[in-house]
C-alpha cells in the first residue's frame, strides 16, 4: 500500500504524522522528498512578460551547428 502525505515541519524541525489504522503494527519505509522551489515568472526574473514568446525560435542568422562532444570524466552521484 502506498500513502502520500503532505505536512509541514515545525520551527524545531519536528514532523508529526498520524497514519491511518491500516498501517498499525507494520514496518514502514519512510521517504522524505523536499518541496520544489517556486518557479519564478519572467517578470520576477527581470524580463518583460512576453519576452520568451517573442524571442524563442527567432534566430535568423547562419545555421547553428553543434560540434562533436569530447569524452569527459564519468561521474557517480550519491543523490538521485
C-alpha atoms as a PDB file:
ATOM      1  CA  UNK A   1       0.000   0.000   0.000  1.00  0.00           C
ATOM      2  CA  UNK A   2       1.272   3.438  -0.849  1.00  0.00           C
ATOM      3  CA  UNK A   3       0.266   6.591   1.025  1.00  0.00           C
ATOM      4  CA  UNK A   4       1.228  10.144   0.104  1.00  0.00           C
ATOM      5  CA  UNK A   5       1.008  12.813   2.814  1.00  0.00           C
ATOM      6  CA  UNK A   6       1.897  16.489   2.789  1.00  0.00           C
ATOM      7  CA  UNK A   7       2.905  18.018   6.094  1.00  0.00           C
ATOM      8  CA  UNK A   8       4.851  20.960   7.483  1.00  0.00           C
ATOM      9  CA  UNK A   9       7.936  20.760   9.678  1.00  0.00           C
ATOM     10  CA  UNK A  10       7.697  22.969  12.769  1.00  0.00           C
ATOM     11  CA  UNK A  11      10.224  25.619  13.864  1.00  0.00           C
ATOM     12  CA  UNK A  12      12.185  22.992  15.829  1.00  0.00           C
ATOM     13  CA  UNK A  13      12.499  20.730  12.776  1.00  0.00           C
ATOM     14  CA  UNK A  14       9.923  18.242  14.060  1.00  0.00           C
ATOM     15  CA  UNK A  15       7.434  16.483  11.825  1.00  0.00           C
ATOM     16  CA  UNK A  16       4.437  14.769  13.365  1.00  0.00           C
ATOM     17  CA  UNK A  17       2.428  12.255  11.347  1.00  0.00           C
ATOM     18  CA  UNK A  18      -0.646  10.334  12.338  1.00  0.00           C
ATOM     19  CA  UNK A  19      -1.162   7.428   9.970  1.00  0.00           C
ATOM     20  CA  UNK A  20      -4.345   5.502   9.206  1.00  0.00           C
ATOM     21  CA  UNK A  21      -5.037   2.451  11.384  1.00  0.00           C
ATOM     22  CA  UNK A  22      -4.302   0.217   8.370  1.00  0.00           C
ATOM     23  CA  UNK A  23      -0.582   0.918   8.947  1.00  0.00           C
ATOM     24  CA  UNK A  24      -0.634  -0.147  12.605  1.00  0.00           C
ATOM     25  CA  UNK A  25       1.984  -2.709  13.689  1.00  0.00           C
ATOM     26  CA  UNK A  26       3.754  -2.656  10.314  1.00  0.00           C
ATOM     27  CA  UNK A  27       7.316  -1.879   9.399  1.00  0.00           C
ATOM     28  CA  UNK A  28       7.301   1.116   7.082  1.00  0.00           C
ATOM     29  CA  UNK A  29       9.873   2.671   4.788  1.00  0.00           C
ATOM     30  CA  UNK A  30       9.595   6.467   5.020  1.00  0.00           C
ATOM     31  CA  UNK A  31      10.906   8.558   2.100  1.00  0.00           C
ATOM     32  CA  UNK A  32      11.335  12.309   2.557  1.00  0.00           C
ATOM     33  CA  UNK A  33      11.004  14.351  -0.646  1.00  0.00           C
ATOM     34  CA  UNK A  34      11.517  18.083  -0.239  1.00  0.00           C
ATOM     35  CA  UNK A  35       9.098  20.511  -1.831  1.00  0.00           C
ATOM     36  CA  UNK A  36      10.366  22.055  -5.020  1.00  0.00           C
ATOM     37  CA  UNK A  37      11.023  25.756  -5.017  1.00  0.00           C
ATOM     38  CA  UNK A  38       8.521  28.059  -6.689  1.00  0.00           C
ATOM     39  CA  UNK A  39       9.340  28.761 -10.317  1.00  0.00           C
ATOM     40  CA  UNK A  40       9.871  32.476 -10.862  1.00  0.00           C
ATOM     41  CA  UNK A  41       7.919  34.330 -13.537  1.00  0.00           C
ATOM     42  CA  UNK A  42       9.711  36.232 -16.313  1.00  0.00           C
ATOM     43  CA  UNK A  43       8.762  39.491 -14.570  1.00  0.00           C
ATOM     44  CA  UNK A  44      10.309  38.290 -11.299  1.00  0.00           C
ATOM     45  CA  UNK A  45      13.486  37.476 -13.250  1.00  0.00           C
ATOM     46  CA  UNK A  46      13.589  40.982 -14.723  1.00  0.00           C
ATOM     47  CA  UNK A  47      12.208  40.203 -18.209  1.00  0.00           C
ATOM     48  CA  UNK A  48       9.107  41.651 -19.881  1.00  0.00           C
ATOM     49  CA  UNK A  49       6.078  39.334 -19.568  1.00  0.00           C
ATOM     50  CA  UNK A  50       6.185  38.220 -23.236  1.00  0.00           C
ATOM     51  CA  UNK A  51       9.992  38.155 -23.656  1.00  0.00           C
ATOM     52  CA  UNK A  52      10.375  34.418 -24.210  1.00  0.00           C
ATOM     53  CA  UNK A  53       7.371  34.155 -26.527  1.00  0.00           C
ATOM     54  CA  UNK A  54       8.799  36.965 -28.677  1.00  0.00           C
ATOM     55  CA  UNK A  55      12.386  35.660 -28.762  1.00  0.00           C
ATOM     56  CA  UNK A  56      12.233  31.829 -28.694  1.00  0.00           C
ATOM     57  CA  UNK A  57      12.872  30.365 -32.134  1.00  0.00           C
ATOM     58  CA  UNK A  58      13.559  33.742 -33.728  1.00  0.00           C
ATOM     59  CA  UNK A  59      17.208  33.196 -34.765  1.00  0.00           C
ATOM     60  CA  UNK A  60      17.622  34.230 -38.412  1.00  0.00           C
ATOM     61  CA  UNK A  61      21.418  34.145 -38.737  1.00  0.00           C
ATOM     62  CA  UNK A  62      23.598  31.397 -40.136  1.00  0.00           C
ATOM     63  CA  UNK A  63      22.781  27.806 -39.214  1.00  0.00           C
ATOM     64  CA  UNK A  64      23.967  26.908 -35.715  1.00  0.00           C
ATOM     65  CA  UNK A  65      25.905  23.638 -35.629  1.00  0.00           C
ATOM     66  CA  UNK A  66      26.748  21.695 -32.512  1.00  0.00           C
ATOM     67  CA  UNK A  67      30.330  20.450 -32.560  1.00  0.00           C
ATOM     68  CA  UNK A  68      31.143  16.858 -31.643  1.00  0.00           C
ATOM     69  CA  UNK A  69      31.369  16.318 -27.905  1.00  0.00           C
ATOM     70  CA  UNK A  70      34.704  15.284 -26.456  1.00  0.00           C
ATOM     71  CA  UNK A  71      34.998  12.479 -23.938  1.00  0.00           C
ATOM     72  CA  UNK A  72      34.633  13.629 -20.345  1.00  0.00           C
ATOM     73  CA  UNK A  73      35.036  12.080 -16.916  1.00  0.00           C
ATOM     74  CA  UNK A  74      32.230   9.824 -15.783  1.00  0.00           C
ATOM     75  CA  UNK A  75      30.546  10.955 -12.576  1.00  0.00           C
ATOM     76  CA  UNK A  76      28.948   8.911  -9.823  1.00  0.00           C
ATOM     77  CA  UNK A  77      26.389  10.812  -7.798  1.00  0.00           C
ATOM     78  CA  UNK A  78      25.221   9.717  -4.362  1.00  0.00           C
ATOM     79  CA  UNK A  79      21.983  11.713  -4.599  1.00  0.00           C
ATOM     80  CA  UNK A  80      19.267  10.751  -7.029  1.00  0.00           C
END
